[in-house]
């Protein structure tokens, strides 16, 4: 049987040889880092989804990220009560005629093609 001190030295030596924790390296090319390394410059537009639905919203002019989209509505009085009504396609294009139109396949996509 080895003396107690020799055994401790062997354990300590084995412990130093093994790596306890290896830090992961970041990838050189990271899409997330590239997309988030700028201040978003938002621009208003109308999103036309599959030529059927029209949404009002904002997108970033740098990366194309879609934010704050909503269905255009108007508040009006009906039978003495205030209600919200979705605007028709014609009303939307009349009210937002100066905005740019962006065609998209799905409103739930996070980015538009630039």
Foldseek 3Di string as FASTA:
>chain_A
DDDPVVVVVVVVVVVVVDDDDDDDDDDPDDPVCVVPVDDFDWDWAWEQAPVPAIWTFIAGPPFAFTDDIDFDWDWDADPNDIDIDGDDPVVVCVVPVVHYYHYDHDPPDGGDDD
